[in-house]
PDB file of N, CA and C in Angstrom:
ATOM      1  N   UNK A   1     -58.056  -3.664 -17.776  1.00  0.00           N
ATOM      2  CA  UNK A   1     -57.642  -2.302 -18.267  1.00  0.00           C
ATOM      3  C   UNK A   1     -56.342  -1.868 -17.489  1.00  0.00           C
ATOM      4  N   UNK A   2     -56.340  -0.483 -18.019  1.00  0.00           N
ATOM      5  CA  UNK A   2     -55.331   0.147 -17.825  1.00  0.00           C
ATOM      6  C   UNK A   2     -55.246   0.372 -15.816  1.00  0.00           C
ATOM      7  N   UNK A   3     -54.057   0.455 -15.247  1.00  0.00           N
ATOM      8  CA  UNK A   3     -54.207   0.489 -13.807  1.00  0.00           C
ATOM      9  C   UNK A   3     -53.035   1.352 -13.426  1.00  0.00           C
ATOM     10  N   UNK A   4     -52.954   2.170 -12.436  1.00  0.00           N
ATOM     11  CA  UNK A   4     -51.890   2.972 -11.771  1.00  0.00           C
ATOM     12  C   UNK A   4     -50.567   1.984 -11.706  1.00  0.00           C
ATOM     13  N   UNK A   5     -50.945   0.819 -11.395  1.00  0.00           N
ATOM     14  CA  UNK A   5     -49.439  -0.084 -11.139  1.00  0.00           C
ATOM     15  C   UNK A   5     -48.876  -0.120 -12.285  1.00  0.00           C
ATOM     16  N   UNK A   6     -49.094   0.074 -13.640  1.00  0.00           N
ATOM     17  CA  UNK A   6     -48.147   0.122 -14.747  1.00  0.00           C
ATOM     18  C   UNK A   6     -47.225   1.098 -15.080  1.00  0.00           C
ATOM     19  N   UNK A   7     -47.814   2.168 -14.233  1.00  0.00           N
ATOM     20  CA  UNK A   7     -47.156   3.699 -14.367  1.00  0.00           C
ATOM     21  C   UNK A   7     -45.919   3.680 -13.188  1.00  0.00           C
ATOM     22  N   UNK A   8     -44.814   3.937 -13.509  1.00  0.00           N
ATOM     23  CA  UNK A   8     -43.664   3.937 -12.785  1.00  0.00           C
ATOM     24  C   UNK A   8     -43.347   5.469 -12.585  1.00  0.00           C
ATOM     25  N   UNK A   9     -42.812   5.662 -11.277  1.00  0.00           N
ATOM     26  CA  UNK A   9     -42.356   7.013 -11.044  1.00  0.00           C
ATOM     27  C   UNK A   9     -41.090   7.176 -10.795  1.00  0.00           C
ATOM     28  N   UNK A  10     -40.272   8.134 -10.466  1.00  0.00           N
ATOM     29  CA  UNK A  10     -39.071   8.540  -9.870  1.00  0.00           C
ATOM     30  C   UNK A  10     -39.217   9.394  -8.967  1.00  0.00           C
ATOM     31  N   UNK A  11     -38.325   9.517  -7.924  1.00  0.00           N
ATOM     32  CA  UNK A  11     -38.221  10.621  -6.868  1.00  0.00           C
ATOM     33  C   UNK A  11     -38.010  11.773  -7.563  1.00  0.00           C
ATOM     34  N   UNK A  12     -38.916  12.995  -7.044  1.00  0.00           N
ATOM     35  CA  UNK A  12     -38.913  14.347  -7.418  1.00  0.00           C
ATOM     36  C   UNK A  12     -37.550  14.908  -7.136  1.00  0.00           C
ATOM     37  N   UNK A  13     -36.691  15.161  -7.877  1.00  0.00           N
ATOM     38  CA  UNK A  13     -35.167  15.940  -7.672  1.00  0.00           C
ATOM     39  C   UNK A  13     -35.139  16.977  -6.818  1.00  0.00           C
ATOM     40  N   UNK A  14     -36.700  18.004  -6.594  1.00  0.00           N
ATOM     41  CA  UNK A  14     -36.594  19.016  -6.272  1.00  0.00           C
ATOM     42  C   UNK A  14     -38.146  19.250  -5.486  1.00  0.00           C
ATOM     43  N   UNK A  15     -38.327  18.487  -4.605  1.00  0.00           N
ATOM     44  CA  UNK A  15     -39.705  18.350  -4.169  1.00  0.00           C
ATOM     45  C   UNK A  15     -40.019  19.738  -3.004  1.00  0.00           C
ATOM     46  N   UNK A  16     -38.823  20.130  -3.116  1.00  0.00           N
ATOM     47  CA  UNK A  16     -39.372  21.727  -1.866  1.00  0.00           C
ATOM     48  C   UNK A  16     -39.734  22.945  -3.268  1.00  0.00           C
ATOM     49  N   UNK A  17     -39.636  22.630  -4.333  1.00  0.00           N
ATOM     50  CA  UNK A  17     -39.608  23.455  -5.182  1.00  0.00           C
ATOM     51  C   UNK A  17     -41.036  23.139  -6.188  1.00  0.00           C
ATOM     52  N   UNK A  18     -41.838  24.105  -6.155  1.00  0.00           N
ATOM     53  CA  UNK A  18     -42.936  24.184  -7.108  1.00  0.00           C
ATOM     54  C   UNK A  18     -42.871  24.329  -8.820  1.00  0.00           C
ATOM     55  N   UNK A  19     -42.718  23.286  -9.402  1.00  0.00           N
ATOM     56  CA  UNK A  19     -42.603  23.458 -10.783  1.00  0.00           C
ATOM     57  C   UNK A  19     -43.702  22.751 -11.820  1.00  0.00           C
ATOM     58  N   UNK A  20     -43.992  23.065 -12.902  1.00  0.00           N
ATOM     59  CA  UNK A  20     -44.729  22.443 -13.663  1.00  0.00           C
ATOM     60  C   UNK A  20     -44.065  21.379 -14.900  1.00  0.00           C
ATOM     61  N   UNK A  21     -44.397  20.521 -14.861  1.00  0.00           N
ATOM     62  CA  UNK A  21     -43.957  19.320 -15.933  1.00  0.00           C
ATOM     63  C   UNK A  21     -45.055  19.188 -17.056  1.00  0.00           C
ATOM     64  N   UNK A  22     -44.910  19.371 -18.191  1.00  0.00           N
ATOM     65  CA  UNK A  22     -45.728  19.379 -19.632  1.00  0.00           C
ATOM     66  C   UNK A  22     -45.347  18.285 -20.138  1.00  0.00           C
ATOM     67  N   UNK A  23     -46.498  17.422 -20.604  1.00  0.00           N
ATOM     68  CA  UNK A  23     -46.048  16.234 -21.498  1.00  0.00           C
ATOM     69  C   UNK A  23     -47.146  16.164 -22.338  1.00  0.00           C
ATOM     70  N   UNK A  24     -46.671  15.888 -23.782  1.00  0.00           N
ATOM     71  CA  UNK A  24     -47.881  16.002 -24.749  1.00  0.00           C
ATOM     72  C   UNK A  24     -47.661  14.770 -25.585  1.00  0.00           C
ATOM     73  N   UNK A  25     -48.567  13.835 -25.609  1.00  0.00           N
ATOM     74  CA  UNK A  25     -48.679  12.555 -26.312  1.00  0.00           C
ATOM     75  C   UNK A  25     -49.460  12.613 -27.530  1.00  0.00           C
ATOM     76  N   UNK A  26     -48.655  12.888 -28.697  1.00  0.00           N
ATOM     77  CA  UNK A  26     -49.574  13.170 -29.854  1.00  0.00           C
ATOM     78  C   UNK A  26     -50.150  12.158 -30.434  1.00  0.00           C
ATOM     79  N   UNK A  27     -49.648  10.910 -30.174  1.00  0.00           N
ATOM     80  CA  UNK A  27     -50.159   9.661 -30.811  1.00  0.00           C
ATOM     81  C   UNK A  27     -51.355   8.734 -30.087  1.00  0.00           C
ATOM     82  N   UNK A  28     -52.285   9.444 -29.326  1.00  0.00           N
ATOM     83  CA  UNK A  28     -52.749   8.284 -28.421  1.00  0.00           C
ATOM     84  C   UNK A  28     -54.099   8.208 -29.368  1.00  0.00           C
ATOM     85  N   UNK A  29     -54.369   6.822 -29.158  1.00  0.00           N
ATOM     86  CA  UNK A  29     -55.389   6.243 -30.128  1.00  0.00           C
ATOM     87  C   UNK A  29     -56.310   5.223 -28.933  1.00  0.00           C
ATOM     88  N   UNK A  30     -57.561   4.907 -29.341  1.00  0.00           N
ATOM     89  CA  UNK A  30     -58.584   4.375 -28.677  1.00  0.00           C
ATOM     90  C   UNK A  30     -59.309   3.593 -29.651  1.00  0.00           C
ATOM     91  N   UNK A  31     -60.597   3.058 -29.167  1.00  0.00           N
ATOM     92  CA  UNK A  31     -61.654   2.723 -30.062  1.00  0.00           C
ATOM     93  C   UNK A  31     -63.037   3.487 -29.573  1.00  0.00           C
ATOM     94  N   UNK A  32     -63.645   3.663 -30.648  1.00  0.00           N
ATOM     95  CA  UNK A  32     -64.965   3.898 -30.109  1.00  0.00           C
ATOM     96  C   UNK A  32     -65.892   2.942 -29.945  1.00  0.00           C
ATOM     97  N   UNK A  33     -66.400   3.044 -28.579  1.00  0.00           N
ATOM     98  CA  UNK A  33     -67.603   1.869 -28.080  1.00  0.00           C
ATOM     99  C   UNK A  33     -68.394   1.434 -29.044  1.00  0.00           C
ATOM    100  N   UNK A  34     -69.128   2.655 -29.854  1.00  0.00           N
ATOM    101  CA  UNK A  34     -70.118   2.310 -30.662  1.00  0.00           C
ATOM    102  C   UNK A  34     -69.937   1.475 -31.979  1.00  0.00           C
ATOM    103  N   UNK A  35     -68.898   2.098 -32.466  1.00  0.00           N
ATOM    104  CA  UNK A  35     -68.549   1.632 -34.129  1.00  0.00           C
ATOM    105  C   UNK A  35     -67.382   0.927 -34.285  1.00  0.00           C
ATOM    106  N   UNK A  36     -66.589   0.503 -33.266  1.00  0.00           N
ATOM    107  CA  UNK A  36     -65.198  -0.029 -32.996  1.00  0.00           C
ATOM    108  C   UNK A  36     -64.126   0.664 -33.882  1.00  0.00           C
ATOM    109  N   UNK A  37     -64.340   1.465 -34.676  1.00  0.00           N
ATOM    110  CA  UNK A  37     -63.272   2.462 -35.441  1.00  0.00           C
ATOM    111  C   UNK A  37     -62.350   3.049 -34.336  1.00  0.00           C
ATOM    112  N   UNK A  38     -61.052   3.210 -34.923  1.00  0.00           N
ATOM    113  CA  UNK A  38     -60.410   3.791 -34.261  1.00  0.00           C
ATOM    114  C   UNK A  38     -60.436   5.351 -33.996  1.00  0.00           C
ATOM    115  N   UNK A  39     -60.008   5.806 -32.715  1.00  0.00           N
ATOM    116  CA  UNK A  39     -60.104   7.118 -32.574  1.00  0.00           C
ATOM    117  C   UNK A  39     -58.610   7.630 -32.149  1.00  0.00           C
ATOM    118  N   UNK A  40     -58.366   9.023 -32.387  1.00  0.00           N
ATOM    119  CA  UNK A  40     -57.167   9.457 -32.555  1.00  0.00           C
ATOM    120  C   UNK A  40     -57.093  10.876 -31.787  1.00  0.00           C
ATOM    121  N   UNK A  41     -56.187  11.058 -30.965  1.00  0.00           N
ATOM    122  CA  UNK A  41     -56.011  12.220 -30.247  1.00  0.00           C
ATOM    123  C   UNK A  41     -54.742  12.762 -29.555  1.00  0.00           C
ATOM    124  N   UNK A  42     -54.755  13.759 -29.289  1.00  0.00           N
ATOM    125  CA  UNK A  42     -53.373  14.342 -28.432  1.00  0.00           C
ATOM    126  C   UNK A  42     -53.861  14.133 -26.739  1.00  0.00           C
ATOM    127  N   UNK A  43     -52.943  13.709 -25.780  1.00  0.00           N
ATOM    128  CA  UNK A  43     -53.216  13.761 -24.416  1.00  0.00           C
ATOM    129  C   UNK A  43     -52.322  14.523 -24.018  1.00  0.00           C
ATOM    130  N   UNK A  44     -52.773  15.930 -23.419  1.00  0.00           N
ATOM    131  CA  UNK A  44     -51.675  16.890 -22.652  1.00  0.00           C
ATOM    132  C   UNK A  44     -51.841  16.752 -21.067  1.00  0.00           C
ATOM    133  N   UNK A  45     -50.716  16.358 -20.649  1.00  0.00           N
ATOM    134  CA  UNK A  45     -50.758  16.342 -18.918  1.00  0.00           C
ATOM    135  C   UNK A  45     -49.844  17.346 -18.687  1.00  0.00           C
ATOM    136  N   UNK A  46     -50.222  18.440 -17.684  1.00  0.00           N
ATOM    137  CA  UNK A  46     -49.554  19.202 -17.063  1.00  0.00           C
ATOM    138  C   UNK A  46     -49.867  19.133 -15.638  1.00  0.00           C
ATOM    139  N   UNK A  47     -48.773  19.048 -14.761  1.00  0.00           N
ATOM    140  CA  UNK A  47     -48.549  18.740 -13.618  1.00  0.00           C
ATOM    141  C   UNK A  47     -47.671  19.364 -12.607  1.00  0.00           C
ATOM    142  N   UNK A  48     -47.915  19.646 -11.307  1.00  0.00           N
ATOM    143  CA  UNK A  48     -47.032  19.898 -10.081  1.00  0.00           C
ATOM    144  C   UNK A  48     -46.463  18.738  -9.505  1.00  0.00           C
ATOM    145  N   UNK A  49     -45.448  18.554  -9.714  1.00  0.00           N
ATOM    146  CA  UNK A  49     -44.996  17.153  -8.723  1.00  0.00           C
ATOM    147  C   UNK A  49     -44.868  17.437  -7.384  1.00  0.00           C
ATOM    148  N   UNK A  50     -45.261  16.332  -6.567  1.00  0.00           N
ATOM    149  CA  UNK A  50     -44.819  16.467  -5.433  1.00  0.00           C
ATOM    150  C   UNK A  50     -43.784  15.466  -4.885  1.00  0.00           C
ATOM    151  N   UNK A  51     -43.783  14.383  -4.296  1.00  0.00           N
ATOM    152  CA  UNK A  51     -42.650  13.674  -4.185  1.00  0.00           C
ATOM    153  C   UNK A  51     -42.240  12.759  -5.078  1.00  0.00           C
ATOM    154  N   UNK A  52     -43.291  12.632  -6.343  1.00  0.00           N
ATOM    155  CA  UNK A  52     -42.631  11.807  -7.399  1.00  0.00           C
ATOM    156  C   UNK A  52     -43.070  12.467  -8.878  1.00  0.00           C
ATOM    157  N   UNK A  53     -42.257  12.071  -9.502  1.00  0.00           N
ATOM    158  CA  UNK A  53     -42.465  12.303 -11.294  1.00  0.00           C
ATOM    159  C   UNK A  53     -42.759  11.216 -11.836  1.00  0.00           C
ATOM    160  N   UNK A  54     -43.673  11.622 -13.120  1.00  0.00           N
ATOM    161  CA  UNK A  54     -43.995  10.040 -13.860  1.00  0.00           C
ATOM    162  C   UNK A  54     -42.555   9.757 -14.966  1.00  0.00           C
ATOM    163  N   UNK A  55     -42.604   8.412 -14.887  1.00  0.00           N
ATOM    164  CA  UNK A  55     -41.458   8.003 -15.799  1.00  0.00           C
ATOM    165  C   UNK A  55     -42.107   7.756 -17.268  1.00  0.00           C
ATOM    166  N   UNK A  56     -41.648   8.234 -18.302  1.00  0.00           N
ATOM    167  CA  UNK A  56     -42.021   8.492 -19.459  1.00  0.00           C
ATOM    168  C   UNK A  56     -42.317   7.053 -20.334  1.00  0.00           C
ATOM    169  N   UNK A  57     -41.163   6.403 -20.249  1.00  0.00           N
ATOM    170  CA  UNK A  57     -41.464   4.903 -20.729  1.00  0.00           C
ATOM    171  C   UNK A  57     -42.680   4.551 -20.627  1.00  0.00           C
ATOM    172  N   UNK A  58     -42.764   4.218 -18.827  1.00  0.00           N
ATOM    173  CA  UNK A  58     -43.748   3.481 -18.488  1.00  0.00           C
ATOM    174  C   UNK A  58     -45.485   4.152 -19.000  1.00  0.00           C
ATOM    175  N   UNK A  59     -45.403   5.568 -19.247  1.00  0.00           N
ATOM    176  CA  UNK A  59     -46.499   6.299 -19.428  1.00  0.00           C
ATOM    177  C   UNK A  59     -46.818   5.931 -20.979  1.00  0.00           C
ATOM    178  N   UNK A  60     -45.726   5.990 -21.775  1.00  0.00           N
ATOM    179  CA  UNK A  60     -46.115   5.539 -23.179  1.00  0.00           C
ATOM    180  C   UNK A  60     -46.761   4.220 -23.189  1.00  0.00           C
ATOM    181  N   UNK A  61     -46.553   3.067 -22.382  1.00  0.00           N
ATOM    182  CA  UNK A  61     -46.993   1.810 -22.657  1.00  0.00           C
ATOM    183  C   UNK A  61     -48.216   1.934 -21.937  1.00  0.00           C
ATOM    184  N   UNK A  62     -48.177   2.461 -20.970  1.00  0.00           N
ATOM    185  CA  UNK A  62     -49.801   2.721 -20.086  1.00  0.00           C
ATOM    186  C   UNK A  62     -50.718   3.085 -21.288  1.00  0.00           C
ATOM    187  N   UNK A  63     -50.245   4.224 -22.191  1.00  0.00           N
ATOM    188  CA  UNK A  63     -51.346   4.789 -22.999  1.00  0.00           C
ATOM    189  C   UNK A  63     -51.534   3.955 -23.926  1.00  0.00           C
ATOM    190  N   UNK A  64     -50.716   3.175 -24.526  1.00  0.00           N
ATOM    191  CA  UNK A  64     -50.966   2.049 -25.431  1.00  0.00           C
ATOM    192  C   UNK A  64     -51.798   1.387 -25.000  1.00  0.00           C
ATOM    193  N   UNK A  65     -52.224   0.963 -23.864  1.00  0.00           N
ATOM    194  CA  UNK A  65     -53.152  -0.099 -23.495  1.00  0.00           C
ATOM    195  C   UNK A  65     -54.388   0.540 -23.716  1.00  0.00           C
ATOM    196  N   UNK A  66     -54.644   1.682 -24.172  1.00  0.00           N
ATOM    197  CA  UNK A  66     -55.874   2.069 -24.556  1.00  0.00           C
ATOM    198  C   UNK A  66     -56.314   1.474 -26.284  1.00  0.00           C
ATOM    199  N   UNK A  67     -55.241   1.442 -26.962  1.00  0.00           N
ATOM    200  CA  UNK A  67     -55.349   1.218 -28.476  1.00  0.00           C
ATOM    201  C   UNK A  67     -56.605   0.369 -28.619  1.00  0.00           C
ATOM    202  N   UNK A  68     -57.105  -0.850 -28.174  1.00  0.00           N
ATOM    203  CA  UNK A  68     -57.787  -1.536 -28.388  1.00  0.00           C
ATOM    204  C   UNK A  68     -58.960  -1.884 -27.269  1.00  0.00           C
ATOM    205  N   UNK A  69     -59.159  -0.584 -26.796  1.00  0.00           N
ATOM    206  CA  UNK A  69     -60.178  -0.556 -25.701  1.00  0.00           C
ATOM    207  C   UNK A  69     -61.392   0.236 -26.293  1.00  0.00           C
ATOM    208  N   UNK A  70     -62.610  -0.105 -26.225  1.00  0.00           N
ATOM    209  CA  UNK A  70     -63.878   0.814 -26.490  1.00  0.00           C
ATOM    210  C   UNK A  70     -64.159   1.661 -25.260  1.00  0.00           C
ATOM    211  N   UNK A  71     -63.679   2.668 -25.426  1.00  0.00           N
ATOM    212  CA  UNK A  71     -63.881   4.016 -24.499  1.00  0.00           C
ATOM    213  C   UNK A  71     -64.279   5.295 -25.054  1.00  0.00           C
ATOM    214  N   UNK A  72     -65.140   5.698 -24.643  1.00  0.00           N
ATOM    215  CA  UNK A  72     -65.669   7.480 -24.925  1.00  0.00           C
ATOM    216  C   UNK A  72     -64.567   8.198 -24.363  1.00  0.00           C
ATOM    217  N   UNK A  73     -64.311   9.318 -25.059  1.00  0.00           N
ATOM    218  CA  UNK A  73     -63.389  10.632 -24.934  1.00  0.00           C
ATOM    219  C   UNK A  73     -63.379  10.762 -23.354  1.00  0.00           C
ATOM    220  N   UNK A  74     -64.700  11.051 -22.917  1.00  0.00           N
ATOM    221  CA  UNK A  74     -64.699  11.586 -21.561  1.00  0.00           C
ATOM    222  C   UNK A  74     -64.402  10.735 -20.444  1.00  0.00           C
ATOM    223  N   UNK A  75     -64.558   9.406 -20.667  1.00  0.00           N
ATOM    224  CA  UNK A  75     -63.987   8.145 -19.804  1.00  0.00           C
ATOM    225  C   UNK A  75     -62.477   8.313 -20.054  1.00  0.00           C
ATOM    226  N   UNK A  76     -62.310   8.016 -21.130  1.00  0.00           N
ATOM    227  CA  UNK A  76     -60.802   7.865 -21.158  1.00  0.00           C
ATOM    228  C   UNK A  76     -59.769   8.894 -20.505  1.00  0.00           C
ATOM    229  N   UNK A  77     -60.322  10.352 -20.523  1.00  0.00           N
ATOM    230  CA  UNK A  77     -59.550  11.282 -20.318  1.00  0.00           C
ATOM    231  C   UNK A  77     -59.701  11.310 -18.662  1.00  0.00           C
ATOM    232  N   UNK A  78     -60.615  11.019 -18.335  1.00  0.00           N
ATOM    233  CA  UNK A  78     -60.943  10.727 -16.657  1.00  0.00           C
ATOM    234  C   UNK A  78     -60.063   9.748 -16.219  1.00  0.00           C
ATOM    235  N   UNK A  79     -60.164   8.627 -16.635  1.00  0.00           N
ATOM    236  CA  UNK A  79     -59.266   7.381 -16.278  1.00  0.00           C
ATOM    237  C   UNK A  79     -57.605   7.511 -16.491  1.00  0.00           C
ATOM    238  N   UNK A  80     -57.508   8.269 -17.298  1.00  0.00           N
ATOM    239  CA  UNK A  80     -55.776   8.648 -17.379  1.00  0.00           C
ATOM    240  C   UNK A  80     -55.624   9.532 -16.333  1.00  0.00           C
ATOM    241  N   UNK A  81     -56.534  10.721 -15.939  1.00  0.00           N
ATOM    242  CA  UNK A  81     -56.180  11.609 -14.781  1.00  0.00           C
ATOM    243  C   UNK A  81     -56.027  10.738 -13.617  1.00  0.00           C
ATOM    244  N   UNK A  82     -57.305   9.821 -13.179  1.00  0.00           N
ATOM    245  CA  UNK A  82     -57.418   9.048 -12.079  1.00  0.00           C
ATOM    246  C   UNK A  82     -56.436   8.164 -11.794  1.00  0.00           C
ATOM    247  N   UNK A  83     -55.709   7.559 -12.823  1.00  0.00           N
ATOM    248  CA  UNK A  83     -54.783   6.597 -13.084  1.00  0.00           C
ATOM    249  C   UNK A  83     -53.262   7.158 -12.724  1.00  0.00           C
ATOM    250  N   UNK A  84     -53.056   8.607 -13.388  1.00  0.00           N
ATOM    251  CA  UNK A  84     -51.624   9.112 -13.073  1.00  0.00           C
ATOM    252  C   UNK A  84     -51.698   9.739 -11.489  1.00  0.00           C
ATOM    253  N   UNK A  85     -52.982  10.172 -10.958  1.00  0.00           N
ATOM    254  CA  UNK A  85     -52.932  10.804  -9.730  1.00  0.00           C
ATOM    255  C   UNK A  85     -52.391   9.591  -9.233  1.00  0.00           C
ATOM    256  N   UNK A  86     -52.961   8.584  -9.109  1.00  0.00           N
ATOM    257  CA  UNK A  86     -52.828   7.345  -8.032  1.00  0.00           C
ATOM    258  C   UNK A  86     -51.524   6.944  -8.239  1.00  0.00           C
ATOM    259  N   UNK A  87     -50.957   7.147  -9.267  1.00  0.00           N
ATOM    260  CA  UNK A  87     -49.368   6.605  -9.280  1.00  0.00           C
ATOM    261  C   UNK A  87     -48.492   7.722  -8.949  1.00  0.00           C
ATOM    262  N   UNK A  88     -48.521   8.890  -9.057  1.00  0.00           N
ATOM    263  CA  UNK A  88     -47.522   9.907  -8.477  1.00  0.00           C
ATOM    264  C   UNK A  88     -48.229  10.683  -7.418  1.00  0.00           C
ATOM    265  N   UNK A  89     -49.116  11.040  -6.974  1.00  0.00           N
ATOM    266  CA  UNK A  89     -49.775  12.045  -6.082  1.00  0.00           C
ATOM    267  C   UNK A  89     -49.126  13.535  -5.940  1.00  0.00           C
ATOM    268  N   UNK A  90     -49.700  13.912  -7.316  1.00  0.00           N
ATOM    269  CA  UNK A  90     -48.937  15.625  -7.441  1.00  0.00           C
ATOM    270  C   UNK A  90     -49.731  16.449  -6.701  1.00  0.00           C
ATOM    271  N   UNK A  91     -48.984  17.456  -6.844  1.00  0.00           N
ATOM    272  CA  UNK A  91     -49.829  18.565  -6.045  1.00  0.00           C
ATOM    273  C   UNK A  91     -51.055  19.152  -6.854  1.00  0.00           C
ATOM    274  N   UNK A  92     -50.914  18.868  -8.191  1.00  0.00           N
ATOM    275  CA  UNK A  92     -51.920  19.419  -9.041  1.00  0.00           C
ATOM    276  C   UNK A  92     -52.040  18.840 -10.633  1.00  0.00           C
ATOM    277  N   UNK A  93     -52.843  18.288 -11.188  1.00  0.00           N
ATOM    278  CA  UNK A  93     -52.594  18.052 -12.523  1.00  0.00           C
ATOM    279  C   UNK A  93     -53.969  18.201 -13.473  1.00  0.00           C
ATOM    280  N   UNK A  94     -53.578  18.516 -14.529  1.00  0.00           N
ATOM    281  CA  UNK A  94     -54.486  18.663 -15.537  1.00  0.00           C
ATOM    282  C   UNK A  94     -54.361  17.775 -16.399  1.00  0.00           C
ATOM    283  N   UNK A  95     -55.187  16.810 -17.000  1.00  0.00           N
ATOM    284  CA  UNK A  95     -55.291  16.096 -18.522  1.00  0.00           C
ATOM    285  C   UNK A  95     -56.160  16.629 -19.414  1.00  0.00           C
ATOM    286  N   UNK A  96     -55.595  16.872 -20.520  1.00  0.00           N
ATOM    287  CA  UNK A  96     -56.523  17.327 -21.761  1.00  0.00           C
ATOM    288  C   UNK A  96     -56.439  16.138 -22.625  1.00  0.00           C
ATOM    289  N   UNK A  97     -57.866  15.729 -23.049  1.00  0.00           N
ATOM    290  CA  UNK A  97     -57.636  15.009 -24.413  1.00  0.00           C
ATOM    291  C   UNK A  97     -58.403  15.556 -25.482  1.00  0.00           C
ATOM    292  N   UNK A  98     -57.551  15.960 -26.459  1.00  0.00           N
ATOM    293  CA  UNK A  98     -57.887  16.719 -27.539  1.00  0.00           C
ATOM    294  C   UNK A  98     -58.082  15.719 -28.908  1.00  0.00           C
ATOM    295  N   UNK A  99     -59.286  15.358 -29.182  1.00  0.00           N
ATOM    296  CA  UNK A  99     -59.309  14.463 -30.017  1.00  0.00           C
ATOM    297  C   UNK A  99     -59.803  14.753 -31.538  1.00  0.00           C
ATOM    298  N   UNK A 100     -59.282  14.026 -32.623  1.00  0.00           N
ATOM    299  CA  UNK A 100     -59.155  14.813 -33.780  1.00  0.00           C
ATOM    300  C   UNK A 100     -61.018  14.440 -34.395  1.00  0.00           C
ATOM    301  N   UNK A 101     -60.979  15.225 -35.307  1.00  0.00           N
ATOM    302  CA  UNK A 101     -62.447  15.541 -36.078  1.00  0.00           C
ATOM    303  C   UNK A 101     -62.848  14.085 -36.306  1.00  0.00           C
ATOM    304  N   UNK A 102     -63.998  13.989 -35.924  1.00  0.00           N
ATOM    305  CA  UNK A 102     -65.078  12.536 -36.677  1.00  0.00           C
ATOM    306  C   UNK A 102     -66.305  13.174 -36.956  1.00  0.00           C
ATOM    307  N   UNK A 103     -66.838  13.072 -38.199  1.00  0.00           N
ATOM    308  CA  UNK A 103     -68.028  13.484 -38.590  1.00  0.00           C
ATOM    309  C   UNK A 103     -68.076  15.092 -38.491  1.00  0.00           C
ATOM    310  N   UNK A 104     -66.946  15.675 -38.695  1.00  0.00           N
ATOM    311  CA  UNK A 104     -67.010  17.203 -38.499  1.00  0.00           C
ATOM    312  C   UNK A 104     -67.007  17.808 -37.343  1.00  0.00           C
ATOM    313  N   UNK A 105     -66.940  17.126 -36.371  1.00  0.00           N
ATOM    314  CA  UNK A 105     -67.001  17.502 -34.861  1.00  0.00           C
ATOM    315  C   UNK A 105     -65.761  17.043 -34.160  1.00  0.00           C
ATOM    316  N   UNK A 106     -65.020  18.203 -33.412  1.00  0.00           N
ATOM    317  CA  UNK A 106     -64.050  17.818 -32.815  1.00  0.00           C
ATOM    318  C   UNK A 106     -64.431  17.852 -31.122  1.00  0.00           C
ATOM    319  N   UNK A 107     -63.614  17.136 -30.367  1.00  0.00           N
ATOM    320  CA  UNK A 107     -64.064  17.318 -28.669  1.00  0.00           C
ATOM    321  C   UNK A 107     -62.489  17.279 -28.203  1.00  0.00           C
ATOM    322  N   UNK A 108     -62.740  18.205 -26.894  1.00  0.00           N
ATOM    323  CA  UNK A 108     -61.758  18.403 -25.947  1.00  0.00           C
ATOM    324  C   UNK A 108     -62.167  18.256 -24.889  1.00  0.00           C
ATOM    325  N   UNK A 109     -61.527  17.342 -24.282  1.00  0.00           N
ATOM    326  CA  UNK A 109     -62.025  16.874 -22.475  1.00  0.00           C
ATOM    327  C   UNK A 109     -61.076  17.564 -21.780  1.00  0.00           C
ATOM    328  N   UNK A 110     -61.203  18.101 -20.677  1.00  0.00           N
ATOM    329  CA  UNK A 110     -60.303  18.483 -19.801  1.00  0.00           C
ATOM    330  C   UNK A 110     -60.725  18.196 -18.238  1.00  0.00           C
ATOM    331  N   UNK A 111     -59.851  17.436 -17.647  1.00  0.00           N
ATOM    332  CA  UNK A 111     -60.201  16.983 -16.016  1.00  0.00           C
ATOM    333  C   UNK A 111     -59.071  17.344 -15.614  1.00  0.00           C
ATOM    334  N   UNK A 112     -59.334  17.819 -14.075  1.00  0.00           N
ATOM    335  CA  UNK A 112     -58.340  18.648 -13.181  1.00  0.00           C
ATOM    336  C   UNK A 112     -58.433  17.863 -11.802  1.00  0.00           C
ATOM    337  N   UNK A 113     -57.230  17.847 -11.052  1.00  0.00           N
ATOM    338  CA  UNK A 113     -57.201  17.341  -9.957  1.00  0.00           C
ATOM    339  C   UNK A 113     -56.239  18.339  -9.070  1.00  0.00           C
ATOM    340  N   UNK A 114     -56.704  18.670  -7.725  1.00  0.00           N
ATOM    341  CA  UNK A 114     -56.003  19.351  -6.898  1.00  0.00           C
ATOM    342  C   UNK A 114     -55.950  18.939  -5.602  1.00  0.00           C
ATOM    343  N   UNK A 115     -54.689  18.414  -5.052  1.00  0.00           N
ATOM    344  CA  UNK A 115     -54.577  18.038  -3.765  1.00  0.00           C
ATOM    345  C   UNK A 115     -55.450  18.765  -2.682  1.00  0.00           C
ATOM    346  N   UNK A 116     -55.823  18.271  -1.971  1.00  0.00           N
ATOM    347  CA  UNK A 116     -56.646  19.113  -1.001  1.00  0.00           C
ATOM    348  C   UNK A 116     -55.978  19.178   0.259  1.00  0.00           C
TER     349      UNK A 116
END
């Protein structure tokens, strides 16, 4: 499945400065592990880079790997956070999985990381 090795990075152009990068991925899809039906949502990534920033094309292809994977919302959001942290070692990162309604219920999962 998805691994941090598929996510490319580039050197932070201003590593001495604290600044936030906000990335919204409005076309996230995965599969419900119970029904096999598609799940849709928005993945929102907010992070304070350290030495490296995420490269967006590789991020897009990484997220596409979830399309045919049966995975619960909670697991997907936390897996994305873990893989992105492993790839770019940010100062701080938050990943929000904001999933569309299924059966009249919406789900929003927030996973956070702060460098020790």
